[in-house]
Amino acid sequence: MNTPIDSNDDTAELQAVMGDYFAALLHDSTESPVLSACVEAVAIPVTTVAVEQPVAEAKSAAADAMPRYQLIRIGGLTLGIPMQAIAEIVTAPSQWTPLSDARTWVLGSYSGRSEFYTVVDTAALLVPGGTLQTVAVGSNAVLLAGQRWALACDGIGEQITPDPAQVNWRGAQGKRPWLAGTVRVPTCALLDIPELLRLLDA
């Protein structure tokens, strides 16, 4: 069944650890960072931009420019998917039809309303050999609009429009093109869908 992303004390502690983890993803080497509850959260720097108009109006305009994201959970971590990239969200228990595919991150296929999708173990795809693990891979998935791919996840969360001041975008030298950036509050990683599709189609 759909597993909501809650906000209890344990989750708050995990979200703090996630800050460190995502900061490492933005700037790490080709090796996967290790998720550890012993590290302290890394504060994401906030950039202040001078504007001539009143601050309230500037914040409103910046917020309007940011796309809306659907939050999902994989392996205890939270990812944001742009709403315009989503065709459908599967939240009822479903069984993926097995596929003969050598790629270890392919779970099977799913028949949507109008087409078939290849279901992906999102954790295994994004951090191969890493510390993430998609648990409830038979329960939830996000079907990508105009694509043949579905991203399996453990839980479906809320929809957010990030505050631009809370976003740390990936630099040009980032080692993980699928990671568009990270958000400090709520702590999550934003997916770069075009780069993710290049990874899927490689």
Foldseek 3Di string as FASTA:
>chain_A
DADEQDDDPVLVLLQQLLQVLQVCQLPPDLAHDARDSPDGHDADAFDDDDDDDDPVVVQVVQLVPFAKWWWFAWQSAIETEGPLFFDDKFAAQADAAQDPDPDPQFDHWDQDPDGIATEGAQVCLQRPVYDIHADSQRGIWTDTPPDRYIYGHNHTYGMGRARNRQWDARDPPRPRQQFGTFGVVSTHTYGDVVSVVVSVVD
